[in-house]
Structures are given as structure tokens and as C-alpha cells.
PDB file of all heavy atoms in Angstrom:
ATOM      1  N   ASP A   1       0.847  -1.186   0.000  1.00  0.00           N
ATOM      2  CA  ASP A   1       0.000   0.000   0.000  1.00  0.00           C
ATOM      3  C   ASP A   1       0.885   1.239   0.000  1.00  0.00           C
ATOM      4  O   ASP A   1       1.659   1.454   0.929  1.00  0.00           O
ATOM      5  CB  ASP A   1      -0.891  -0.037   1.245  1.00  0.00           C
ATOM      6  CG  ASP A   1      -1.807   1.162   1.366  1.00  0.00           C
ATOM      7  OD1 ASP A   1      -1.823   2.010   0.456  1.00  0.00           O
ATOM      8  OD2 ASP A   1      -2.525   1.247   2.381  1.00  0.00           O
ATOM      9  N   GLU A   2       0.735   2.067  -1.032  1.00  0.00           N
ATOM     10  CA  GLU A   2       1.567   3.270  -1.162  1.00  0.00           C
ATOM     11  C   GLU A   2       1.154   4.355  -0.167  1.00  0.00           C
ATOM     12  O   GLU A   2       1.826   5.360  -0.042  1.00  0.00           O
ATOM     13  CB  GLU A   2       1.475   3.822  -2.586  1.00  0.00           C
ATOM     14  CG  GLU A   2       2.119   2.911  -3.606  1.00  0.00           C
ATOM     15  CD  GLU A   2       2.158   3.519  -4.991  1.00  0.00           C
ATOM     16  OE1 GLU A   2       2.171   4.757  -5.100  1.00  0.00           O
ATOM     17  OE2 GLU A   2       2.181   2.755  -5.953  1.00  0.00           O
ATOM     18  N   ASN A   3       0.057   4.167   0.531  1.00  0.00           N
ATOM     19  CA  ASN A   3      -0.453   5.221   1.407  1.00  0.00           C
ATOM     20  C   ASN A   3      -0.012   5.088   2.858  1.00  0.00           C
ATOM     21  O   ASN A   3      -0.575   5.709   3.726  1.00  0.00           O
ATOM     22  CB  ASN A   3      -1.996   5.248   1.326  1.00  0.00           C
ATOM     23  CG  ASN A   3      -2.463   5.589  -0.072  1.00  0.00           C
ATOM     24  OD1 ASN A   3      -1.890   6.458  -0.721  1.00  0.00           O
ATOM     25  ND2 ASN A   3      -3.476   4.890  -0.544  1.00  0.00           N
ATOM     26  N   HIS A   4       0.987   4.265   3.128  1.00  0.00           N
ATOM     27  CA  HIS A   4       1.480   4.133   4.498  1.00  0.00           C
ATOM     28  C   HIS A   4       2.092   5.450   4.960  1.00  0.00           C
ATOM     29  O   HIS A   4       2.725   6.161   4.186  1.00  0.00           O
ATOM     30  CB  HIS A   4       2.567   3.056   4.588  1.00  0.00           C
ATOM     31  CG  HIS A   4       2.044   1.674   4.392  1.00  0.00           C
ATOM     32  ND1 HIS A   4       1.137   1.078   5.239  1.00  0.00           N
ATOM     33  CD2 HIS A   4       2.306   0.763   3.437  1.00  0.00           C
ATOM     34  CE1 HIS A   4       0.860  -0.123   4.814  1.00  0.00           C
ATOM     35  NE2 HIS A   4       1.559  -0.356   3.719  1.00  0.00           N
ATOM     36  N   ASN A   5       1.923   5.739   6.258  1.00  0.00           N
ATOM     37  CA  ASN A   5       2.605   6.914   6.781  1.00  0.00           C
ATOM     38  C   ASN A   5       4.097   6.586   6.912  1.00  0.00           C
ATOM     39  O   ASN A   5       4.498   5.427   6.786  1.00  0.00           O
ATOM     40  CB  ASN A   5       1.978   7.382   8.103  1.00  0.00           C
ATOM     41  CG  ASN A   5       2.146   6.386   9.236  1.00  0.00           C
ATOM     42  OD1 ASN A   5       3.203   5.762   9.379  1.00  0.00           O
ATOM     43  ND2 ASN A   5       1.116   6.242  10.048  1.00  0.00           N
ATOM     44  N   GLU A   6       4.911   7.585   7.173  1.00  0.00           N
ATOM     45  CA  GLU A   6       6.368   7.412   7.195  1.00  0.00           C
ATOM     46  C   GLU A   6       6.814   6.407   8.252  1.00  0.00           C
ATOM     47  O   GLU A   6       7.679   5.580   8.005  1.00  0.00           O
ATOM     48  CB  GLU A   6       7.075   8.760   7.419  1.00  0.00           C
ATOM     49  CG  GLU A   6       6.787   9.796   6.347  1.00  0.00           C
ATOM     50  CD  GLU A   6       7.166   9.371   4.942  1.00  0.00           C
ATOM     51  OE1 GLU A   6       8.353   9.137   4.677  1.00  0.00           O
ATOM     52  OE2 GLU A   6       6.252   9.248   4.100  1.00  0.00           O
ATOM     53  N   ALA A   7       6.210   6.460   9.430  1.00  0.00           N
ATOM     54  CA  ALA A   7       6.600   5.544  10.511  1.00  0.00           C
ATOM     55  C   ALA A   7       6.293   4.101  10.126  1.00  0.00           C
ATOM     56  O   ALA A   7       7.103   3.199  10.363  1.00  0.00           O
ATOM     57  CB  ALA A   7       5.890   5.924  11.813  1.00  0.00           C
ATOM     58  N   GLU A   8       5.139   3.864   9.535  1.00  0.00           N
ATOM     59  CA  GLU A   8       4.759   2.506   9.125  1.00  0.00           C
ATOM     60  C   GLU A   8       5.667   2.023   7.981  1.00  0.00           C
ATOM     61  O   GLU A   8       6.119   0.870   7.992  1.00  0.00           O
ATOM     62  CB  GLU A   8       3.282   2.475   8.691  1.00  0.00           C
ATOM     63  CG  GLU A   8       2.793   1.110   8.278  1.00  0.00           C
ATOM     64  CD  GLU A   8       2.694   0.114   9.423  1.00  0.00           C
ATOM     65  OE1 GLU A   8       2.839   0.504  10.607  1.00  0.00           O
ATOM     66  OE2 GLU A   8       2.481  -1.067   9.137  1.00  0.00           O
ATOM     67  N   LEU A   9       5.941   2.878   7.039  1.00  0.00           N
ATOM     68  CA  LEU A   9       6.816   2.514   5.923  1.00  0.00           C
ATOM     69  C   LEU A   9       8.226   2.187   6.429  1.00  0.00           C
ATOM     70  O   LEU A   9       8.852   1.226   5.974  1.00  0.00           O
ATOM     71  CB  LEU A   9       6.862   3.636   4.884  1.00  0.00           C
ATOM     72  CG  LEU A   9       7.729   3.377   3.662  1.00  0.00           C
ATOM     73  CD1 LEU A   9       7.322   2.086   2.945  1.00  0.00           C
ATOM     74  CD2 LEU A   9       7.657   4.563   2.708  1.00  0.00           C
ATOM     75  N   LYS A  10       8.693   2.940   7.391  1.00  0.00           N
ATOM     76  CA  LYS A  10      10.016   2.685   7.979  1.00  0.00           C
ATOM     77  C   LYS A  10      10.038   1.305   8.634  1.00  0.00           C
ATOM     78  O   LYS A  10      11.008   0.553   8.484  1.00  0.00           O
ATOM     79  CB  LYS A  10      10.333   3.783   9.000  1.00  0.00           C
ATOM     80  CG  LYS A  10      11.718   3.756   9.555  1.00  0.00           C
ATOM     81  CD  LYS A  10      11.913   5.014  10.413  1.00  0.00           C
ATOM     82  CE  LYS A  10      13.138   4.979  11.241  1.00  0.00           C
ATOM     83  NZ  LYS A  10      13.282   6.164  12.100  1.00  0.00           N
ATOM     84  N   ARG A  11       8.968   0.927   9.326  1.00  0.00           N
ATOM     85  CA  ARG A  11       8.884  -0.399   9.944  1.00  0.00           C
ATOM     86  C   ARG A  11       8.828  -1.502   8.882  1.00  0.00           C
ATOM     87  O   ARG A  11       9.408  -2.577   9.057  1.00  0.00           O
ATOM     88  CB  ARG A  11       7.681  -0.470  10.890  1.00  0.00           C
ATOM     89  CG  ARG A  11       7.886   0.337  12.176  1.00  0.00           C
ATOM     90  CD  ARG A  11       6.784   0.086  13.186  1.00  0.00           C
ATOM     91  NE  ARG A  11       5.499   0.646  12.782  1.00  0.00           N
ATOM     92  CZ  ARG A  11       5.077   1.885  13.089  1.00  0.00           C
ATOM     93  NH1 ARG A  11       5.842   2.682  13.822  1.00  0.00           N
ATOM     94  NH2 ARG A  11       3.914   2.299  12.683  1.00  0.00           N
ATOM     95  N   ILE A  12       8.148  -1.240   7.783  1.00  0.00           N
ATOM     96  CA  ILE A  12       8.080  -2.215   6.684  1.00  0.00           C
ATOM     97  C   ILE A  12       9.479  -2.432   6.100  1.00  0.00           C
ATOM     98  O   ILE A  12       9.903  -3.579   5.894  1.00  0.00           O
ATOM     99  CB  ILE A  12       7.089  -1.749   5.586  1.00  0.00           C
ATOM    100  CG1 ILE A  12       5.660  -1.801   6.126  1.00  0.00           C
ATOM    101  CG2 ILE A  12       7.242  -2.578   4.309  1.00  0.00           C
ATOM    102  CD1 ILE A  12       4.642  -1.085   5.250  1.00  0.00           C
ATOM    103  N   LEU A  13      10.204  -1.348   5.852  1.00  0.00           N
ATOM    104  CA  LEU A  13      11.572  -1.458   5.320  1.00  0.00           C
ATOM    105  C   LEU A  13      12.457  -2.226   6.292  1.00  0.00           C
ATOM    106  O   LEU A  13      13.251  -3.086   5.893  1.00  0.00           O
ATOM    107  CB  LEU A  13      12.148  -0.064   5.041  1.00  0.00           C
ATOM    108  CG  LEU A  13      11.460   0.747   3.942  1.00  0.00           C
ATOM    109  CD1 LEU A  13      12.009   2.171   3.908  1.00  0.00           C
ATOM    110  CD2 LEU A  13      11.599   0.070   2.588  1.00  0.00           C
ATOM    111  N   GLU A  14      12.310  -1.932   7.580  1.00  0.00           N
ATOM    112  CA  GLU A  14      13.083  -2.613   8.615  1.00  0.00           C
ATOM    113  C   GLU A  14      12.813  -4.124   8.576  1.00  0.00           C
ATOM    114  O   GLU A  14      13.738  -4.935   8.635  1.00  0.00           O
ATOM    115  CB  GLU A  14      12.728  -2.031   9.979  1.00  0.00           C
ATOM    116  CG  GLU A  14      13.491  -2.603  11.139  1.00  0.00           C
ATOM    117  CD  GLU A  14      13.096  -1.928  12.451  1.00  0.00           C
ATOM    118  OE1 GLU A  14      11.899  -1.580  12.630  1.00  0.00           O
ATOM    119  OE2 GLU A  14      13.980  -1.748  13.302  1.00  0.00           O
ATOM    120  N   CYS A  15      11.567  -4.512   8.456  1.00  0.00           N
ATOM    121  CA  CYS A  15      11.209  -5.932   8.396  1.00  0.00           C
ATOM    122  C   CYS A  15      11.796  -6.608   7.162  1.00  0.00           C
ATOM    123  O   CYS A  15      12.316  -7.722   7.242  1.00  0.00           O
ATOM    124  CB  CYS A  15       9.692  -6.099   8.391  1.00  0.00           C
ATOM    125  SG  CYS A  15       8.917  -5.792   9.979  1.00  0.00           S
ATOM    126  N   LEU A  16      11.688  -5.949   6.017  1.00  0.00           N
ATOM    127  CA  LEU A  16      12.227  -6.520   4.784  1.00  0.00           C
ATOM    128  C   LEU A  16      13.733  -6.738   4.906  1.00  0.00           C
ATOM    129  O   LEU A  16      14.253  -7.794   4.519  1.00  0.00           O
ATOM    130  CB  LEU A  16      11.918  -5.611   3.590  1.00  0.00           C
ATOM    131  CG  LEU A  16      10.452  -5.541   3.164  1.00  0.00           C
ATOM    132  CD1 LEU A  16      10.231  -4.403   2.170  1.00  0.00           C
ATOM    133  CD2 LEU A  16       9.994  -6.876   2.590  1.00  0.00           C
ATOM    134  N   LEU A  17      14.425  -5.765   5.463  1.00  0.00           N
ATOM    135  CA  LEU A  17      15.874  -5.885   5.648  1.00  0.00           C
ATOM    136  C   LEU A  17      16.216  -6.973   6.656  1.00  0.00           C
ATOM    137  O   LEU A  17      17.199  -7.698   6.489  1.00  0.00           O
ATOM    138  CB  LEU A  17      16.472  -4.543   6.079  1.00  0.00           C
ATOM    139  CG  LEU A  17      16.479  -3.478   4.996  1.00  0.00           C
ATOM    140  CD1 LEU A  17      16.681  -2.098   5.596  1.00  0.00           C
ATOM    141  CD2 LEU A  17      17.545  -3.792   3.962  1.00  0.00           C
ATOM    142  N   PHE A  18      15.418  -7.101   7.679  1.00  0.00           N
ATOM    143  CA  PHE A  18      15.669  -8.087   8.727  1.00  0.00           C
ATOM    144  C   PHE A  18      15.587  -9.515   8.185  1.00  0.00           C
ATOM    145  O   PHE A  18      16.407 -10.358   8.522  1.00  0.00           O
ATOM    146  CB  PHE A  18      14.686  -7.886   9.882  1.00  0.00           C
ATOM    147  CG  PHE A  18      14.860  -8.880  10.991  1.00  0.00           C
ATOM    148  CD1 PHE A  18      15.909  -8.756  11.880  1.00  0.00           C
ATOM    149  CD2 PHE A  18      13.979  -9.941  11.137  1.00  0.00           C
ATOM    150  CE1 PHE A  18      16.087  -9.682  12.910  1.00  0.00           C
ATOM    151  CE2 PHE A  18      14.147 -10.871  12.151  1.00  0.00           C
ATOM    152  CZ  PHE A  18      15.202 -10.744  13.036  1.00  0.00           C
ATOM    153  N   VAL A  19      14.611  -9.789   7.348  1.00  0.00           N
ATOM    154  CA  VAL A  19      14.422 -11.160   6.872  1.00  0.00           C
ATOM    155  C   VAL A  19      15.269 -11.499   5.649  1.00  0.00           C
ATOM    156  O   VAL A  19      15.439 -12.662   5.323  1.00  0.00           O
ATOM    157  CB  VAL A  19      12.933 -11.486   6.574  1.00  0.00           C
ATOM    158  CG1 VAL A  19      12.101 -11.351   7.825  1.00  0.00           C
ATOM    159  CG2 VAL A  19      12.399 -10.635   5.450  1.00  0.00           C
ATOM    160  N   SER A  20      15.813 -10.506   5.003  1.00  0.00           N
ATOM    161  CA  SER A  20      16.606 -10.764   3.801  1.00  0.00           C
ATOM    162  C   SER A  20      17.997 -11.275   4.155  1.00  0.00           C
ATOM    163  O   SER A  20      18.654 -10.747   5.038  1.00  0.00           O
ATOM    164  CB  SER A  20      16.745  -9.483   2.968  1.00  0.00           C
ATOM    165  OG  SER A  20      17.549  -9.738   1.838  1.00  0.00           O
ATOM    166  N   GLY A  21      18.425 -12.295   3.454  1.00  0.00           N
ATOM    167  CA  GLY A  21      19.766 -12.828   3.657  1.00  0.00           C
ATOM    168  C   GLY A  21      20.798 -12.160   2.772  1.00  0.00           C
ATOM    169  O   GLY A  21      21.965 -12.537   2.778  1.00  0.00           O
ATOM    170  N   GLU A  22      20.391 -11.179   2.008  1.00  0.00           N
ATOM    171  CA  GLU A  22      21.310 -10.487   1.107  1.00  0.00           C
ATOM    172  C   GLU A  22      20.996  -8.996   1.099  1.00  0.00           C
ATOM    173  O   GLU A  22      19.898  -8.597   1.503  1.00  0.00           O
ATOM    174  CB  GLU A  22      21.183 -11.052  -0.308  1.00  0.00           C
ATOM    175  CG  GLU A  22      19.797 -10.906  -0.893  1.00  0.00           C
ATOM    176  CD  GLU A  22      19.642 -11.615  -2.220  1.00  0.00           C
ATOM    177  OE1 GLU A  22      20.220 -12.696  -2.403  1.00  0.00           O
ATOM    178  OE2 GLU A  22      18.934 -11.076  -3.085  1.00  0.00           O
ATOM    179  N   PRO A  23      21.948  -8.184   0.646  1.00  0.00           N
ATOM    180  CA  PRO A  23      21.674  -6.738   0.586  1.00  0.00           C
ATOM    181  C   PRO A  23      20.512  -6.449  -0.364  1.00  0.00           C
ATOM    182  O   PRO A  23      20.378  -7.100  -1.401  1.00  0.00           O
ATOM    183  CB  PRO A  23      22.976  -6.144   0.041  1.00  0.00           C
ATOM    184  CG  PRO A  23      24.016  -7.174   0.293  1.00  0.00           C
ATOM    185  CD  PRO A  23      23.317  -8.493   0.229  1.00  0.00           C
ATOM    186  N   LEU A  24      19.668  -5.497  -0.001  1.00  0.00           N
ATOM    187  CA  LEU A  24      18.549  -5.090  -0.844  1.00  0.00           C
ATOM    188  C   LEU A  24      18.788  -3.666  -1.327  1.00  0.00           C
ATOM    189  O   LEU A  24      19.081  -2.786  -0.520  1.00  0.00           O
ATOM    190  CB  LEU A  24      17.232  -5.160  -0.062  1.00  0.00           C
ATOM    191  CG  LEU A  24      16.796  -6.546   0.407  1.00  0.00           C
ATOM    192  CD1 LEU A  24      15.554  -6.440   1.288  1.00  0.00           C
ATOM    193  CD2 LEU A  24      16.541  -7.462  -0.777  1.00  0.00           C
ATOM    194  N   THR A  25      18.650  -3.452  -2.624  1.00  0.00           N
ATOM    195  CA  THR A  25      18.846  -2.122  -3.192  1.00  0.00           C
ATOM    196  C   THR A  25      17.651  -1.238  -2.845  1.00  0.00           C
ATOM    197  O   THR A  25      16.543  -1.755  -2.594  1.00  0.00           O
ATOM    198  CB  THR A  25      18.988  -2.183  -4.725  1.00  0.00           C
ATOM    199  OG1 THR A  25      17.746  -2.660  -5.278  1.00  0.00           O
ATOM    200  CG2 THR A  25      20.154  -3.078  -5.148  1.00  0.00           C
ATOM    201  N   PRO A  26      17.850   0.083  -2.862  1.00  0.00           N
ATOM    202  CA  PRO A  26      16.707   0.975  -2.623  1.00  0.00           C
ATOM    203  C   PRO A  26      15.574   0.734  -3.623  1.00  0.00           C
ATOM    204  O   PRO A  26      14.408   0.794  -3.252  1.00  0.00           O
ATOM    205  CB  PRO A  26      17.319   2.375  -2.776  1.00  0.00           C
ATOM    206  CG  PRO A  26      18.749   2.192  -2.382  1.00  0.00           C
ATOM    207  CD  PRO A  26      19.119   0.826  -2.919  1.00  0.00           C
ATOM    208  N   ASP A  27      15.916   0.432  -4.885  1.00  0.00           N
ATOM    209  CA  ASP A  27      14.885   0.142  -5.888  1.00  0.00           C
ATOM    210  C   ASP A  27      14.043  -1.058  -5.487  1.00  0.00           C
ATOM    211  O   ASP A  27      12.816  -1.030  -5.557  1.00  0.00           O
ATOM    212  CB  ASP A  27      15.519  -0.118  -7.258  1.00  0.00           C
ATOM    213  CG  ASP A  27      16.042   1.136  -7.918  1.00  0.00           C
ATOM    214  OD1 ASP A  27      15.515   2.229  -7.626  1.00  0.00           O
ATOM    215  OD2 ASP A  27      16.984   1.031  -8.730  1.00  0.00           O
ATOM    216  N   LYS A  28      14.710  -2.139  -5.071  1.00  0.00           N
ATOM    217  CA  LYS A  28      13.991  -3.358  -4.691  1.00  0.00           C
ATOM    218  C   LYS A  28      13.156  -3.126  -3.439  1.00  0.00           C
ATOM    219  O   LYS A  28      12.015  -3.587  -3.347  1.00  0.00           O
ATOM    220  CB  LYS A  28      14.960  -4.514  -4.486  1.00  0.00           C
ATOM    221  CG  LYS A  28      14.254  -5.833  -4.262  1.00  0.00           C
ATOM    222  CD  LYS A  28      15.169  -7.007  -4.441  1.00  0.00           C
ATOM    223  CE  LYS A  28      14.350  -8.290  -4.393  1.00  0.00           C
ATOM    224  NZ  LYS A  28      15.132  -9.462  -4.738  1.00  0.00           N
ATOM    225  N   LEU A  29      13.717  -2.412  -2.466  1.00  0.00           N
ATOM    226  CA  LEU A  29      12.961  -2.116  -1.245  1.00  0.00           C
ATOM    227  C   LEU A  29      11.725  -1.274  -1.558  1.00  0.00           C
ATOM    228  O   LEU A  29      10.651  -1.517  -1.004  1.00  0.00           O
ATOM    229  CB  LEU A  29      13.855  -1.397  -0.234  1.00  0.00           C
ATOM    230  CG  LEU A  29      14.847  -2.292   0.501  1.00  0.00           C
ATOM    231  CD1 LEU A  29      15.944  -1.460   1.155  1.00  0.00           C
ATOM    232  CD2 LEU A  29      14.123  -3.136   1.540  1.00  0.00           C
ATOM    233  N   ALA A  30      11.872  -0.313  -2.450  1.00  0.00           N
ATOM    234  CA  ALA A  30      10.734   0.526  -2.832  1.00  0.00           C
ATOM    235  C   ALA A  30       9.656  -0.322  -3.511  1.00  0.00           C
ATOM    236  O   ALA A  30       8.469  -0.205  -3.193  1.00  0.00           O
ATOM    237  CB  ALA A  30      11.203   1.650  -3.756  1.00  0.00           C
ATOM    238  N   LYS A  31      10.083  -1.194  -4.405  1.00  0.00           N
ATOM    239  CA  LYS A  31       9.128  -2.053  -5.108  1.00  0.00           C
ATOM    240  C   LYS A  31       8.403  -2.981  -4.136  1.00  0.00           C
ATOM    241  O   LYS A  31       7.179  -3.122  -4.181  1.00  0.00           O
ATOM    242  CB  LYS A  31       9.854  -2.872  -6.173  1.00  0.00           C
ATOM    243  CG  LYS A  31       8.947  -3.735  -6.997  1.00  0.00           C
ATOM    244  CD  LYS A  31       9.724  -4.484  -8.064  1.00  0.00           C
ATOM    245  CE  LYS A  31       8.786  -5.402  -8.860  1.00  0.00           C
ATOM    246  NZ  LYS A  31       9.508  -6.186  -9.842  1.00  0.00           N
ATOM    247  N   LEU A  32       9.155  -3.616  -3.229  1.00  0.00           N
ATOM    248  CA  LEU A  32       8.558  -4.548  -2.268  1.00  0.00           C
ATOM    249  C   LEU A  32       7.598  -3.859  -1.303  1.00  0.00           C
ATOM    250  O   LEU A  32       6.596  -4.434  -0.889  1.00  0.00           O
ATOM    251  CB  LEU A  32       9.652  -5.272  -1.480  1.00  0.00           C
ATOM    252  CG  LEU A  32      10.491  -6.280  -2.254  1.00  0.00           C
ATOM    253  CD1 LEU A  32      11.703  -6.710  -1.430  1.00  0.00           C
ATOM    254  CD2 LEU A  32       9.650  -7.487  -2.653  1.00  0.00           C
ATOM    255  N   SER A  33       7.932  -2.633  -0.925  1.00  0.00           N
ATOM    256  CA  SER A  33       7.105  -1.909   0.046  1.00  0.00           C
ATOM    257  C   SER A  33       5.978  -1.122  -0.616  1.00  0.00           C
ATOM    258  O   SER A  33       5.101  -0.612   0.075  1.00  0.00           O
ATOM    259  CB  SER A  33       7.971  -0.977   0.892  1.00  0.00           C
ATOM    260  OG  SER A  33       8.535   0.034   0.074  1.00  0.00           O
ATOM    261  N   GLY A  34       6.032  -1.004  -1.936  1.00  0.00           N
ATOM    262  CA  GLY A  34       4.984  -0.290  -2.649  1.00  0.00           C
ATOM    263  C   GLY A  34       5.103   1.211  -2.597  1.00  0.00           C
ATOM    264  O   GLY A  34       4.113   1.922  -2.789  1.00  0.00           O
ATOM    265  N   CYS A  35       6.307   1.708  -2.333  1.00  0.00           N
ATOM    266  CA  CYS A  35       6.491   3.162  -2.301  1.00  0.00           C
ATOM    267  C   CYS A  35       7.508   3.567  -3.365  1.00  0.00           C
ATOM    268  O   CYS A  35       8.120   2.732  -4.013  1.00  0.00           O
ATOM    269  CB  CYS A  35       6.944   3.618  -0.923  1.00  0.00           C
ATOM    270  SG  CYS A  35       8.678   3.255  -0.565  1.00  0.00           S
ATOM    271  N   GLU A  36       7.687   4.850  -3.532  1.00  0.00           N
ATOM    272  CA  GLU A  36       8.679   5.349  -4.479  1.00  0.00           C
ATOM    273  C   GLU A  36      10.060   5.328  -3.833  1.00  0.00           C
ATOM    274  O   GLU A  36      10.198   5.512  -2.626  1.00  0.00           O
ATOM    275  CB  GLU A  36       8.332   6.772  -4.902  1.00  0.00           C
ATOM    276  CG  GLU A  36       7.043   6.844  -5.711  1.00  0.00           C
ATOM    277  CD  GLU A  36       6.733   8.260  -6.147  1.00  0.00           C
ATOM    278  OE1 GLU A  36       7.622   9.141  -6.054  1.00  0.00           O
ATOM    279  OE2 GLU A  36       5.589   8.484  -6.572  1.00  0.00           O
ATOM    280  N   LYS A  37      11.087   5.136  -4.662  1.00  0.00           N
ATOM    281  CA  LYS A  37      12.474   5.091  -4.187  1.00  0.00           C
ATOM    282  C   LYS A  37      12.821   6.382  -3.435  1.00  0.00           C
ATOM    283  O   LYS A  37      13.474   6.343  -2.390  1.00  0.00           O
ATOM    284  CB  LYS A  37      13.411   4.889  -5.376  1.00  0.00           C
ATOM    285  CG  LYS A  37      14.870   4.841  -5.020  1.00  0.00           C
ATOM    286  CD  LYS A  37      15.703   4.644  -6.273  1.00  0.00           C
ATOM    287  CE  LYS A  37      17.167   4.817  -6.003  1.00  0.00           C
ATOM    288  NZ  LYS A  37      17.984   4.715  -7.208  1.00  0.00           N
TER     289      LYS A  37
END
């Protein structure tokens, strides 16, 4: 959902990074979280 507030989006990015076993690019993180880079 692109309409997440900043705090929620930050938590989403944190979760994605936590579970990933490899570095995630800003492009990939933006795509996975549904927000703009």
C-alpha cells in the first residue's frame, strides 16, 4: 500500500531488511514496500 505513513513505511523497510539474507537495493525495497524510491 503506497499510502502508508512514514513511521509505518520505515517499519516495513526494517522488516524486509531483517528477513533478507542479502543486501537489498533501494529500488527493490521501494518495489517490495509499494512506495517510491
